[in-house]
C-alpha atoms as a PDB file:
ATOM      1  CA  UNK A   1     -72.602  16.782 -98.103  1.00  0.00           C
ATOM      2  CA  UNK A   2     -74.800  19.805 -97.789  1.00  0.00           C
ATOM      3  CA  UNK A   3     -75.442  22.342-100.447  1.00  0.00           C
ATOM      4  CA  UNK A   4     -76.163  25.848 -99.444  1.00  0.00           C
ATOM      5  CA  UNK A   5     -78.701  27.847-101.444  1.00  0.00           C
ATOM      6  CA  UNK A   6     -77.658  30.862-103.443  1.00  0.00           C
ATOM      7  CA  UNK A   7     -76.511  33.804-101.433  1.00  0.00           C
ATOM      8  CA  UNK A   8     -79.227  36.444-101.381  1.00  0.00           C
ATOM      9  CA  UNK A   9     -77.596  39.561-102.722  1.00  0.00           C
ATOM     10  CA  UNK A  10     -78.865  43.016-103.342  1.00  0.00           C
ATOM     11  CA  UNK A  11     -78.987  43.688-107.059  1.00  0.00           C
ATOM     12  CA  UNK A  12     -79.528  46.781-109.097  1.00  0.00           C
ATOM     13  CA  UNK A  13     -83.260  46.100-109.501  1.00  0.00           C
ATOM     14  CA  UNK A  14     -83.720  45.670-105.768  1.00  0.00           C
ATOM     15  CA  UNK A  15     -82.099  49.025-105.119  1.00  0.00           C
ATOM     16  CA  UNK A  16     -84.213  50.706-107.813  1.00  0.00           C
ATOM     17  CA  UNK A  17     -87.412  49.265-106.380  1.00  0.00           C
ATOM     18  CA  UNK A  18     -86.445  50.342-102.887  1.00  0.00           C
ATOM     19  CA  UNK A  19     -85.646  53.892-103.989  1.00  0.00           C
ATOM     20  CA  UNK A  20     -88.895  54.107-105.992  1.00  0.00           C
ATOM     21  CA  UNK A  21     -90.901  52.794-103.040  1.00  0.00           C
ATOM     22  CA  UNK A  22     -89.323  55.305-100.674  1.00  0.00           C
ATOM     23  CA  UNK A  23     -89.915  58.145-103.164  1.00  0.00           C
ATOM     24  CA  UNK A  24     -93.592  57.243-103.471  1.00  0.00           C
ATOM     25  CA  UNK A  25     -93.887  57.163 -99.690  1.00  0.00           C
ATOM     26  CA  UNK A  26     -92.275  60.586 -99.349  1.00  0.00           C
ATOM     27  CA  UNK A  27     -94.466  62.120-102.058  1.00  0.00           C
ATOM     28  CA  UNK A  28     -97.579  60.625-100.462  1.00  0.00           C
ATOM     29  CA  UNK A  29     -96.628  61.985 -97.034  1.00  0.00           C
ATOM     30  CA  UNK A  30     -95.826  65.443 -98.398  1.00  0.00           C
ATOM     31  CA  UNK A  31     -99.102  65.505-100.339  1.00  0.00           C
ATOM     32  CA  UNK A  32    -101.059  64.689 -97.181  1.00  0.00           C
ATOM     33  CA  UNK A  33     -99.215  67.406 -95.247  1.00  0.00           C
ATOM     34  CA  UNK A  34     -99.617  70.100 -97.910  1.00  0.00           C
ATOM     35  CA  UNK A  35    -103.091  69.389 -99.276  1.00  0.00           C
ATOM     36  CA  UNK A  36    -104.723  67.981 -96.196  1.00  0.00           C
ATOM     37  CA  UNK A  37    -106.439  64.711 -95.468  1.00  0.00           C
ATOM     38  CA  UNK A  38    -109.854  65.785 -96.722  1.00  0.00           C
ATOM     39  CA  UNK A  39    -108.613  66.955-100.113  1.00  0.00           C
ATOM     40  CA  UNK A  40    -106.551  63.880-101.011  1.00  0.00           C
ATOM     41  CA  UNK A  41    -107.418  62.333-104.353  1.00  0.00           C
ATOM     42  CA  UNK A  42    -108.786  58.827-104.041  1.00  0.00           C
ATOM     43  CA  UNK A  43    -109.975  56.208-106.493  1.00  0.00           C
ATOM     44  CA  UNK A  44    -113.539  56.821-105.313  1.00  0.00           C
ATOM     45  CA  UNK A  45    -113.167  60.572-105.805  1.00  0.00           C
ATOM     46  CA  UNK A  46    -111.670  60.087-109.256  1.00  0.00           C
ATOM     47  CA  UNK A  47    -114.507  57.748-110.232  1.00  0.00           C
ATOM     48  CA  UNK A  48    -117.128  60.232-109.016  1.00  0.00           C
ATOM     49  CA  UNK A  49    -115.465  63.045-110.979  1.00  0.00           C
ATOM     50  CA  UNK A  50    -115.534  60.839-114.084  1.00  0.00           C
ATOM     51  CA  UNK A  51    -119.246  60.118-113.564  1.00  0.00           C
ATOM     52  CA  UNK A  52    -119.982  63.831-113.149  1.00  0.00           C
ATOM     53  CA  UNK A  53    -117.957  64.668-116.269  1.00  0.00           C
ATOM     54  CA  UNK A  54    -119.861  62.011-118.256  1.00  0.00           C
ATOM     55  CA  UNK A  55    -123.175  63.410-117.077  1.00  0.00           C
ATOM     56  CA  UNK A  56    -122.139  66.961-117.968  1.00  0.00           C
ATOM     57  CA  UNK A  57    -121.057  65.826-121.451  1.00  0.00           C
ATOM     58  CA  UNK A  58    -124.364  64.010-121.921  1.00  0.00           C
ATOM     59  CA  UNK A  59    -126.273  67.134-120.830  1.00  0.00           C
ATOM     60  CA  UNK A  60    -124.326  69.321-123.268  1.00  0.00           C
ATOM     61  CA  UNK A  61    -124.873  66.811-126.068  1.00  0.00           C
ATOM     62  CA  UNK A  62    -128.623  66.677-125.327  1.00  0.00           C
ATOM     63  CA  UNK A  63    -128.794  70.490-125.323  1.00  0.00           C
ATOM     64  CA  UNK A  64    -126.954  70.627-128.650  1.00  0.00           C
ATOM     65  CA  UNK A  65    -129.275  67.970-130.123  1.00  0.00           C
ATOM     66  CA  UNK A  66    -132.276  69.999-128.938  1.00  0.00           C
ATOM     67  CA  UNK A  67    -130.907  73.171-130.556  1.00  0.00           C
ATOM     68  CA  UNK A  68    -130.204  71.378-133.826  1.00  0.00           C
ATOM     69  CA  UNK A  69    -133.733  69.940-133.826  1.00  0.00           C
ATOM     70  CA  UNK A  70    -135.197  73.419-133.220  1.00  0.00           C
ATOM     71  CA  UNK A  71    -133.118  74.899-136.051  1.00  0.00           C
ATOM     72  CA  UNK A  72    -134.133  72.094-138.403  1.00  0.00           C
ATOM     73  CA  UNK A  73    -137.811  72.583-137.508  1.00  0.00           C
ATOM     74  CA  UNK A  74    -137.548  76.347-138.008  1.00  0.00           C
ATOM     75  CA  UNK A  75    -135.849  75.843-141.365  1.00  0.00           C
ATOM     76  CA  UNK A  76    -138.511  73.357-142.474  1.00  0.00           C
ATOM     77  CA  UNK A  77    -141.276  75.752-141.385  1.00  0.00           C
ATOM     78  CA  UNK A  78    -139.652  78.599-143.338  1.00  0.00           C
ATOM     79  CA  UNK A  79    -139.392  76.379-146.389  1.00  0.00           C
ATOM     80  CA  UNK A  80    -143.071  75.384-146.110  1.00  0.00           C
ATOM     81  CA  UNK A  81    -144.160  78.995-145.782  1.00  0.00           C
ATOM     82  CA  UNK A  82    -142.182  79.972-148.891  1.00  0.00           C
ATOM     83  CA  UNK A  83    -143.770  77.137-150.848  1.00  0.00           C
ATOM     84  CA  UNK A  84    -147.291  78.295-149.882  1.00  0.00           C
ATOM     85  CA  UNK A  85    -146.813  81.905-150.972  1.00  0.00           C
ATOM     86  CA  UNK A  86    -148.444  82.628-154.320  1.00  0.00           C
ATOM     87  CA  UNK A  87    -146.167  83.706-157.105  1.00  0.00           C
ATOM     88  CA  UNK A  88    -147.107  87.156-158.343  1.00  0.00           C
END
């Protein structure tokens, strides 16, 4: 007596995965054709853009901190000069 394994059948999930896979392939091919090979987004390119964005944010934050420190110093100097003036 031999028992045959279950019949492999194509189910709804298999069809959905196949259609999704084909759609991704088509989109990828069209993107390469339209944009060009050199301008394709890659994980490395995305990571580099993130690093550059982080650096730019850090630069802007440092500039803002510097401006706040200058304003605080100017305000303190103005306060000191008012305190030194004799009352007439």
